[in-house]
Amino acid sequence: MIEILSPVELRRARRTGALVADILQTLTENVTVGTNLLEIDAWTRRMIDAAGAESCYVDYAPSFGRGPFGHVICTSVNDAVLHGLPHDYALTDGDLLTLDLAVSLDGVVADSAVSLVVGTARPAGSEALIEATRRALDAGIAAAGPGVALGDVSHAIGTVLSAAGYPVNTQFGGHGVGTTMHQDPHVPNTGRPGRGYRLHPGLLLALEPWVMADTDELTTDDDGWTLRSATGCLTAHSEHTIAITDDGAEILTLPSADAP
């Protein structure tokens, strides 16, 4: 289903997006060497509860996971790129950490992800990976707008990732959001210009470029959720929820201090 939000729902979506962004900002400011992934999950749960919001993950049980997920945030480290199940692991200096969070507030969902390097060490290629996903995300947002074909957005994302030298996996990508977390349309991280669904004002999309340094193949951990690069290489992931407006695309998942 492709859901088009009303102006009232869009105002709610802005509040949800700011909440998600504020939580992720708080986490990135407080995560350090020695922080346990289960601590991150507990901190996130408290912030969601304090805001009167609901996690989209706890009861989530899709066909590709061994559900329910049972936690409120995805914590993916180093070669883990998507759906990282929080577990008893203390972060070390130089770990590449991705935090992926989706929350529902007042009946509307927002979804965002950030990657960062923990501590002061900078493993070779880690910052380049993160920067490539950020630039690809910016390109996808810049391409989006009313009447634009979805293939144009995917093509803009994929062009940046491929130019940076990274293989692009199309099994998982961006998606529609609204009153539920995962909706149509699927937004692959590469595509053909001019093809696909034409974007309409009121549509919310979660755009999420993610890459693995030297492969496009994934493996799944025994936990049934965590997806890793098949070669053990580093990975990164950036995501924003955007709203298609009459004028273009509005980023909803900006911290409240940065929101327009």
C-alpha atoms as a PDB file:
ATOM      1  CA  MET A   1       0.000   0.000   0.000  1.00  0.00           C
ATOM      2  CA  ILE A   2       1.183   3.528  -0.834  1.00  0.00           C
ATOM      3  CA  GLU A   3      -0.120   5.930   1.785  1.00  0.00           C
ATOM      4  CA  ILE A   4      -0.519   9.674   1.215  1.00  0.00           C
ATOM      5  CA  LEU A   5      -0.643  11.683   4.435  1.00  0.00           C
ATOM      6  CA  SER A   6      -3.025  14.549   5.126  1.00  0.00           C
ATOM      7  CA  PRO A   7      -1.688  17.980   6.203  1.00  0.00           C
ATOM      8  CA  VAL A   8      -2.625  17.118   9.810  1.00  0.00           C
ATOM      9  CA  GLU A   9      -0.731  13.819   9.630  1.00  0.00           C
ATOM     10  CA  LEU A  10       2.239  15.592   8.066  1.00  0.00           C
ATOM     11  CA  ARG A  11       2.435  17.944  11.059  1.00  0.00           C
ATOM     12  CA  ARG A  12       2.487  14.887  13.308  1.00  0.00           C
ATOM     13  CA  ALA A  13       5.197  13.343  11.137  1.00  0.00           C
ATOM     14  CA  ARG A  14       7.397  16.390  11.716  1.00  0.00           C
ATOM     15  CA  ARG A  15       7.142  15.852  15.476  1.00  0.00           C
ATOM     16  CA  THR A  16       7.937  12.162  15.110  1.00  0.00           C
ATOM     17  CA  GLY A  17      10.896  12.887  12.862  1.00  0.00           C
ATOM     18  CA  ALA A  18      12.340  15.418  15.306  1.00  0.00           C
ATOM     19  CA  LEU A  19      11.979  12.895  18.138  1.00  0.00           C
ATOM     20  CA  VAL A  20      13.836  10.194  16.210  1.00  0.00           C
ATOM     21  CA  ALA A  21      16.578  12.650  15.267  1.00  0.00           C
ATOM     22  CA  ASP A  22      16.907  13.974  18.823  1.00  0.00           C
ATOM     23  CA  ILE A  23      17.228  10.446  20.205  1.00  0.00           C
ATOM     24  CA  LEU A  24      19.906   9.534  17.663  1.00  0.00           C
ATOM     25  CA  GLN A  25      21.775  12.757  18.379  1.00  0.00           C
ATOM     26  CA  THR A  26      21.715  12.049  22.123  1.00  0.00           C
ATOM     27  CA  LEU A  27      22.998   8.540  21.524  1.00  0.00           C
ATOM     28  CA  THR A  28      25.838   9.620  19.248  1.00  0.00           C
ATOM     29  CA  GLU A  29      26.906  12.222  21.822  1.00  0.00           C
ATOM     30  CA  ASN A  30      26.997   9.660  24.629  1.00  0.00           C
ATOM     31  CA  VAL A  31      28.254   6.461  23.002  1.00  0.00           C
ATOM     32  CA  THR A  32      31.924   5.896  23.750  1.00  0.00           C
ATOM     33  CA  VAL A  33      34.510   3.160  24.094  1.00  0.00           C
ATOM     34  CA  GLY A  34      33.114   0.656  26.589  1.00  0.00           C
ATOM     35  CA  THR A  35      29.439   1.423  25.956  1.00  0.00           C
ATOM     36  CA  ASN A  36      27.473  -1.818  25.747  1.00  0.00           C
ATOM     37  CA  LEU A  37      24.956  -2.323  22.943  1.00  0.00           C
ATOM     38  CA  LEU A  38      22.372  -3.335  25.544  1.00  0.00           C
ATOM     39  CA  GLU A  39      22.964   0.004  27.305  1.00  0.00           C
ATOM     40  CA  ILE A  40      22.188   1.798  24.048  1.00  0.00           C
ATOM     41  CA  ASP A  41      18.957  -0.174  23.753  1.00  0.00           C
ATOM     42  CA  ALA A  42      18.009   0.670  27.356  1.00  0.00           C
ATOM     43  CA  TRP A  43      18.773   4.390  26.895  1.00  0.00           C
ATOM     44  CA  THR A  44      16.678   4.453  23.742  1.00  0.00           C
ATOM     45  CA  ARG A  45      13.768   2.681  25.406  1.00  0.00           C
ATOM     46  CA  ARG A  46      13.720   5.271  28.211  1.00  0.00           C
ATOM     47  CA  MET A  47      13.728   8.189  25.744  1.00  0.00           C
ATOM     48  CA  ILE A  48      10.919   6.659  23.685  1.00  0.00           C
ATOM     49  CA  ASP A  49       8.829   6.050  26.809  1.00  0.00           C
ATOM     50  CA  ALA A  50       9.492   9.560  28.157  1.00  0.00           C
ATOM     51  CA  ALA A  51       8.172  11.049  24.901  1.00  0.00           C
ATOM     52  CA  GLY A  52       4.984   8.971  25.027  1.00  0.00           C
ATOM     53  CA  ALA A  53       5.994   7.295  21.778  1.00  0.00           C
ATOM     54  CA  GLU A  54       6.132   3.648  20.696  1.00  0.00           C
ATOM     55  CA  SER A  55       8.948   1.563  19.245  1.00  0.00           C
ATOM     56  CA  CYS A  56       8.311   0.120  15.808  1.00  0.00           C
ATOM     57  CA  TYR A  57      10.742  -2.734  16.456  1.00  0.00           C
ATOM     58  CA  VAL A  58       9.813  -4.609  19.642  1.00  0.00           C
ATOM     59  CA  ASP A  59       6.982  -6.651  18.125  1.00  0.00           C
ATOM     60  CA  TYR A  60       8.255  -6.509  14.558  1.00  0.00           C
ATOM     61  CA  ALA A  61       8.309  -9.969  12.972  1.00  0.00           C
ATOM     62  CA  PRO A  62       8.748  -9.822   9.162  1.00  0.00           C
ATOM     63  CA  SER A  63       9.455 -12.787   6.922  1.00  0.00           C
ATOM     64  CA  PHE A  64      13.164 -11.928   6.652  1.00  0.00           C
ATOM     65  CA  GLY A  65      13.778 -11.949  10.412  1.00  0.00           C
ATOM     66  CA  ARG A  66      13.393 -14.402  13.278  1.00  0.00           C
ATOM     67  CA  GLY A  67      10.874 -12.294  15.122  1.00  0.00           C
ATOM     68  CA  PRO A  68       9.757 -10.631  17.153  1.00  0.00           C
ATOM     69  CA  PHE A  69      12.803  -8.331  17.221  1.00  0.00           C
ATOM     70  CA  GLY A  70      12.410  -7.691  20.949  1.00  0.00           C
ATOM     71  CA  HIS A  71      14.495  -4.476  21.139  1.00  0.00           C
ATOM     72  CA  VAL A  72      13.885  -0.811  20.301  1.00  0.00           C
ATOM     73  CA  ILE A  73      16.919   0.040  18.147  1.00  0.00           C
ATOM     74  CA  CYS A  74      19.194  -1.690  15.633  1.00  0.00           C
ATOM     75  CA  THR A  75      22.872  -1.616  16.614  1.00  0.00           C
ATOM     76  CA  SER A  76      25.146  -2.825  13.804  1.00  0.00           C
ATOM     77  CA  VAL A  77      28.920  -2.958  14.358  1.00  0.00           C
ATOM     78  CA  ASN A  78      31.742  -3.115  11.771  1.00  0.00           C
ATOM     79  CA  ASP A  79      30.800  -5.858   9.279  1.00  0.00           C
ATOM     80  CA  ALA A  80      27.173  -5.830  10.458  1.00  0.00           C
ATOM     81  CA  VAL A  81      25.198  -3.438   8.264  1.00  0.00           C
ATOM     82  CA  LEU A  82      21.457  -3.924   8.832  1.00  0.00           C
ATOM     83  CA  HIS A  83      19.068  -5.106  11.547  1.00  0.00           C
ATOM     84  CA  GLY A  84      21.798  -5.486  14.154  1.00  0.00           C
ATOM     85  CA  LEU A  85      20.204  -7.131  17.190  1.00  0.00           C
ATOM     86  CA  PRO A  86      21.479  -5.503  20.414  1.00  0.00           C
ATOM     87  CA  HIS A  87      23.491  -7.977  22.485  1.00  0.00           C
ATOM     88  CA  ASP A  88      26.100  -8.048  25.234  1.00  0.00           C
ATOM     89  CA  TYR A  89      28.986  -6.343  23.453  1.00  0.00           C
ATOM     90  CA  ALA A  90      31.103  -3.428  24.731  1.00  0.00           C
ATOM     91  CA  LEU A  91      32.225  -1.089  21.952  1.00  0.00           C
ATOM     92  CA  THR A  92      35.965  -0.785  21.341  1.00  0.00           C
ATOM     93  CA  ASP A  93      38.090   2.043  19.963  1.00  0.00           C
ATOM     94  CA  GLY A  94      37.567   2.307  16.204  1.00  0.00           C
ATOM     95  CA  ASP A  95      34.349   0.284  15.980  1.00  0.00           C
ATOM     96  CA  LEU A  96      32.095   1.460  13.146  1.00  0.00           C
ATOM     97  CA  LEU A  97      28.629   1.631  14.695  1.00  0.00           C
ATOM     98  CA  THR A  98      25.304   2.103  12.905  1.00  0.00           C
ATOM     99  CA  LEU A  99      22.217   3.097  14.890  1.00  0.00           C
ATOM    100  CA  ASP A 100      18.882   2.613  13.107  1.00  0.00           C
ATOM    101  CA  LEU A 101      15.691   3.794  14.806  1.00  0.00           C
ATOM    102  CA  ALA A 102      11.997   3.885  13.882  1.00  0.00           C
ATOM    103  CA  VAL A 103       9.396   5.307  16.249  1.00  0.00           C
ATOM    104  CA  SER A 104       5.663   5.982  16.122  1.00  0.00           C
ATOM    105  CA  LEU A 105       4.272   9.136  17.785  1.00  0.00           C
ATOM    106  CA  ASP A 106       0.625  10.208  17.531  1.00  0.00           C
ATOM    107  CA  GLY A 107       0.062   7.467  14.974  1.00  0.00           C
ATOM    108  CA  VAL A 108       2.775   8.483  12.496  1.00  0.00           C
ATOM    109  CA  VAL A 109       6.181   6.832  11.980  1.00  0.00           C
ATOM    110  CA  ALA A 110       9.635   8.239  11.230  1.00  0.00           C
ATOM    111  CA  ASP A 111      12.778   6.209  10.518  1.00  0.00           C
ATOM    112  CA  SER A 112      16.441   7.268  10.479  1.00  0.00           C
ATOM    113  CA  ALA A 113      19.941   5.811  10.728  1.00  0.00           C
ATOM    114  CA  VAL A 114      23.423   7.157  11.385  1.00  0.00           C
ATOM    115  CA  SER A 115      26.877   5.588  11.231  1.00  0.00           C
ATOM    116  CA  LEU A 116      29.822   6.754  13.324  1.00  0.00           C
ATOM    117  CA  VAL A 117      33.278   5.620  14.393  1.00  0.00           C
ATOM    118  CA  VAL A 118      33.605   5.103  18.152  1.00  0.00           C
ATOM    119  CA  GLY A 119      36.569   6.579  20.029  1.00  0.00           C
ATOM    120  CA  THR A 120      39.649   8.071  18.393  1.00  0.00           C
ATOM    121  CA  ALA A 121      40.936   5.288  16.129  1.00  0.00           C
ATOM    122  CA  ARG A 122      39.972   5.521  12.468  1.00  0.00           C
ATOM    123  CA  PRO A 123      40.247   2.174  10.672  1.00  0.00           C
ATOM    124  CA  ALA A 124      41.195   2.453   7.012  1.00  0.00           C
ATOM    125  CA  GLY A 125      38.202   3.215   4.848  1.00  0.00           C
ATOM    126  CA  SER A 126      35.713   3.723   7.683  1.00  0.00           C
ATOM    127  CA  GLU A 127      35.173   7.444   7.243  1.00  0.00           C
ATOM    128  CA  ALA A 128      35.028   7.142   3.449  1.00  0.00           C
ATOM    129  CA  LEU A 129      32.251   4.555   3.750  1.00  0.00           C
ATOM    130  CA  ILE A 130      30.200   6.767   6.019  1.00  0.00           C
ATOM    131  CA  GLU A 131      30.748   9.842   3.862  1.00  0.00           C
ATOM    132  CA  ALA A 132      29.675   7.966   0.717  1.00  0.00           C
ATOM    133  CA  THR A 133      26.354   6.960   2.271  1.00  0.00           C
ATOM    134  CA  ARG A 134      25.766  10.528   3.466  1.00  0.00           C
ATOM    135  CA  ARG A 135      26.475  11.973   0.023  1.00  0.00           C
ATOM    136  CA  ALA A 136      24.249   9.356  -1.594  1.00  0.00           C
ATOM    137  CA  LEU A 137      21.467  10.230   0.833  1.00  0.00           C
ATOM    138  CA  ASP A 138      21.837  13.933   0.006  1.00  0.00           C
ATOM    139  CA  ALA A 139      21.677  13.102  -3.702  1.00  0.00           C
ATOM    140  CA  GLY A 140      18.525  11.025  -3.295  1.00  0.00           C
ATOM    141  CA  ILE A 141      16.824  13.781  -1.320  1.00  0.00           C
ATOM    142  CA  ALA A 142      17.841  16.400  -3.879  1.00  0.00           C
ATOM    143  CA  ALA A 143      16.349  14.284  -6.677  1.00  0.00           C
ATOM    144  CA  ALA A 144      12.990  13.754  -4.937  1.00  0.00           C
ATOM    145  CA  GLY A 145       9.951  15.928  -5.572  1.00  0.00           C
ATOM    146  CA  PRO A 146       6.387  15.914  -6.885  1.00  0.00           C
ATOM    147  CA  GLY A 147       6.042  14.140 -10.214  1.00  0.00           C
ATOM    148  CA  VAL A 148       9.552  12.687 -10.040  1.00  0.00           C
ATOM    149  CA  ALA A 149       9.887   9.030 -10.991  1.00  0.00           C
ATOM    150  CA  LEU A 150      11.117   6.793  -8.181  1.00  0.00           C
ATOM    151  CA  GLY A 151      13.827   5.519 -10.519  1.00  0.00           C
ATOM    152  CA  ASP A 152      15.335   8.998 -10.568  1.00  0.00           C
ATOM    153  CA  VAL A 153      15.763   8.943  -6.787  1.00  0.00           C
ATOM    154  CA  SER A 154      17.272   5.453  -6.838  1.00  0.00           C
ATOM    155  CA  HIS A 155      19.549   6.397  -9.724  1.00  0.00           C
ATOM    156  CA  ALA A 156      20.839   9.455  -7.869  1.00  0.00           C
ATOM    157  CA  ILE A 157      21.686   7.332  -4.818  1.00  0.00           C
ATOM    158  CA  GLY A 158      23.289   4.549  -6.831  1.00  0.00           C
ATOM    159  CA  THR A 159      25.367   6.920  -8.945  1.00  0.00           C
ATOM    160  CA  VAL A 160      27.109   8.278  -5.836  1.00  0.00           C
ATOM    161  CA  LEU A 161      27.699   4.857  -4.302  1.00  0.00           C
ATOM    162  CA  SER A 162      29.035   3.349  -7.527  1.00  0.00           C
ATOM    163  CA  ALA A 163      31.266   6.359  -8.228  1.00  0.00           C
ATOM    164  CA  ALA A 164      32.784   5.879  -4.779  1.00  0.00           C
ATOM    165  CA  GLY A 165      33.680   2.336  -5.788  1.00  0.00           C
ATOM    166  CA  TYR A 166      31.194   0.382  -3.676  1.00  0.00           C
ATOM    167  CA  PRO A 167      29.036  -2.534  -4.875  1.00  0.00           C
ATOM    168  CA  VAL A 168      25.290  -1.890  -4.449  1.00  0.00           C
ATOM    169  CA  ASN A 169      22.960  -4.502  -2.952  1.00  0.00           C
ATOM    170  CA  THR A 170      19.280  -4.200  -3.934  1.00  0.00           C
ATOM    171  CA  GLN A 171      17.787  -6.779  -1.526  1.00  0.00           C
ATOM    172  CA  PHE A 172      17.145  -4.064   1.052  1.00  0.00           C
ATOM    173  CA  GLY A 173      16.647  -0.365   0.500  1.00  0.00           C
ATOM    174  CA  GLY A 174      14.407   2.554   1.291  1.00  0.00           C
ATOM    175  CA  HIS A 175      10.646   2.375   1.631  1.00  0.00           C
ATOM    176  CA  GLY A 176       7.455   4.254   2.226  1.00  0.00           C
ATOM    177  CA  VAL A 177       6.415   5.117   5.767  1.00  0.00           C
ATOM    178  CA  GLY A 178       3.288   6.594   7.273  1.00  0.00           C
ATOM    179  CA  THR A 179       1.017   5.133   9.887  1.00  0.00           C
ATOM    180  CA  THR A 180       3.160   1.986   9.745  1.00  0.00           C
ATOM    181  CA  MET A 181       6.905   1.510   9.418  1.00  0.00           C
ATOM    182  CA  HIS A 182       7.411  -0.387   6.157  1.00  0.00           C
ATOM    183  CA  GLN A 183       5.162   0.433   3.219  1.00  0.00           C
ATOM    184  CA  ASP A 184       5.318   0.618  -0.538  1.00  0.00           C
ATOM    185  CA  PRO A 185       7.038   1.862  -2.545  1.00  0.00           C
ATOM    186  CA  HIS A 186      10.343   0.045  -2.209  1.00  0.00           C
ATOM    187  CA  VAL A 187      13.248   2.394  -2.976  1.00  0.00           C
ATOM    188  CA  PRO A 188      16.270   0.444  -4.264  1.00  0.00           C
ATOM    189  CA  ASN A 189      19.680   2.033  -3.861  1.00  0.00           C
ATOM    190  CA  THR A 190      20.185   2.016  -7.609  1.00  0.00           C
ATOM    191  CA  GLY A 191      17.743   2.402 -10.463  1.00  0.00           C
ATOM    192  CA  ARG A 192      16.919   3.616 -13.959  1.00  0.00           C
ATOM    193  CA  PRO A 193      15.959   7.260 -14.513  1.00  0.00           C
ATOM    194  CA  GLY A 194      12.377   7.934 -15.529  1.00  0.00           C
ATOM    195  CA  ARG A 195      11.097   4.564 -14.369  1.00  0.00           C
ATOM    196  CA  GLY A 196       8.640   3.648 -11.648  1.00  0.00           C
ATOM    197  CA  TYR A 197       6.047   5.301  -9.431  1.00  0.00           C
ATOM    198  CA  ARG A 198       5.650   9.073  -9.661  1.00  0.00           C
ATOM    199  CA  LEU A 199       5.987  10.800  -6.297  1.00  0.00           C
ATOM    200  CA  HIS A 200       3.023  12.729  -4.861  1.00  0.00           C
ATOM    201  CA  PRO A 201       2.831  15.433  -2.171  1.00  0.00           C
ATOM    202  CA  GLY A 202       2.023  13.838   1.185  1.00  0.00           C
ATOM    203  CA  LEU A 203       4.126  10.738   0.513  1.00  0.00           C
ATOM    204  CA  LEU A 204       6.723   9.884   3.160  1.00  0.00           C
ATOM    205  CA  LEU A 205       9.841   7.982   2.123  1.00  0.00           C
ATOM    206  CA  ALA A 206      12.662   6.575   4.213  1.00  0.00           C
ATOM    207  CA  LEU A 207      15.737   6.779   1.978  1.00  0.00           C
ATOM    208  CA  GLU A 208      18.592   4.630   3.233  1.00  0.00           C
ATOM    209  CA  PRO A 209      21.787   4.169   1.258  1.00  0.00           C
ATOM    210  CA  TRP A 210      23.969   1.465   2.803  1.00  0.00           C
ATOM    211  CA  VAL A 211      27.129  -0.137   1.508  1.00  0.00           C
ATOM    212  CA  MET A 212      29.712  -2.806   2.187  1.00  0.00           C
ATOM    213  CA  ALA A 213      33.300  -2.002   1.276  1.00  0.00           C
ATOM    214  CA  ASP A 214      34.020  -4.840  -1.148  1.00  0.00           C
ATOM    215  CA  THR A 215      30.927  -7.001  -1.649  1.00  0.00           C
ATOM    216  CA  ASP A 216      27.201  -6.885  -2.316  1.00  0.00           C
ATOM    217  CA  GLU A 217      26.574 -10.234  -0.607  1.00  0.00           C
ATOM    218  CA  LEU A 218      25.030 -10.581   2.857  1.00  0.00           C
ATOM    219  CA  THR A 219      25.063 -13.278   5.509  1.00  0.00           C
ATOM    220  CA  THR A 220      22.670 -13.627   8.447  1.00  0.00           C
ATOM    221  CA  ASP A 221      23.792 -14.225  12.030  1.00  0.00           C
ATOM    222  CA  ASP A 222      22.467 -17.092  14.110  1.00  0.00           C
ATOM    223  CA  ASP A 223      20.228 -14.559  15.878  1.00  0.00           C
ATOM    224  CA  GLY A 224      18.109 -14.548  12.714  1.00  0.00           C
ATOM    225  CA  TRP A 225      18.331 -10.768  12.331  1.00  0.00           C
ATOM    226  CA  THR A 226      21.794  -9.260  12.038  1.00  0.00           C
ATOM    227  CA  LEU A 227      22.949  -8.936   8.426  1.00  0.00           C
ATOM    228  CA  ARG A 228      26.705  -8.851   7.748  1.00  0.00           C
ATOM    229  CA  SER A 229      28.975  -8.438   4.775  1.00  0.00           C
ATOM    230  CA  ALA A 230      29.840 -11.856   3.373  1.00  0.00           C
ATOM    231  CA  THR A 231      33.548 -10.999   3.314  1.00  0.00           C
ATOM    232  CA  GLY A 232      33.740  -9.457   6.792  1.00  0.00           C
ATOM    233  CA  CYS A 233      34.451  -5.991   5.367  1.00  0.00           C
ATOM    234  CA  LEU A 234      33.341  -2.743   6.981  1.00  0.00           C
ATOM    235  CA  THR A 235      29.882  -1.329   6.262  1.00  0.00           C
ATOM    236  CA  ALA A 236      27.948   1.923   6.705  1.00  0.00           C
ATOM    237  CA  HIS A 237      24.346   3.137   6.539  1.00  0.00           C
ATOM    238  CA  SER A 238      22.668   6.569   6.482  1.00  0.00           C
ATOM    239  CA  GLU A 239      18.909   7.218   6.475  1.00  0.00           C
ATOM    240  CA  HIS A 240      16.408  10.072   6.615  1.00  0.00           C
ATOM    241  CA  THR A 241      12.638  10.148   6.405  1.00  0.00           C
ATOM    242  CA  ILE A 242      11.483  12.770   3.907  1.00  0.00           C
ATOM    243  CA  ALA A 243       8.081  14.146   2.953  1.00  0.00           C
ATOM    244  CA  ILE A 244       7.263  14.948  -0.641  1.00  0.00           C
ATOM    245  CA  THR A 245       5.808  18.463  -0.744  1.00  0.00           C
ATOM    246  CA  ASP A 246       4.555  20.764  -3.489  1.00  0.00           C
ATOM    247  CA  ASP A 247       8.007  22.347  -3.561  1.00  0.00           C
ATOM    248  CA  GLY A 248      10.272  19.285  -3.374  1.00  0.00           C
ATOM    249  CA  ALA A 249      11.338  17.130  -0.436  1.00  0.00           C
ATOM    250  CA  GLU A 250      11.395  18.051   3.259  1.00  0.00           C
ATOM    251  CA  ILE A 251      13.724  16.199   5.638  1.00  0.00           C
ATOM    252  CA  LEU A 252      11.684  15.197   8.684  1.00  0.00           C
ATOM    253  CA  THR A 253      14.402  13.485  10.719  1.00  0.00           C
ATOM    254  CA  LEU A 254      16.441  16.548  11.653  1.00  0.00           C
ATOM    255  CA  PRO A 255      17.126  17.307  15.327  1.00  0.00           C
ATOM    256  CA  SER A 256      14.609  19.783  16.735  1.00  0.00           C
ATOM    257  CA  ALA A 257      17.363  22.405  17.100  1.00  0.00           C
ATOM    258  CA  ASP A 258      18.084  22.176  13.353  1.00  0.00           C
ATOM    259  CA  ALA A 259      14.516  21.837  12.029  1.00  0.00           C
ATOM    260  CA  PRO A 260      13.209  24.726   9.866  1.00  0.00           C
END
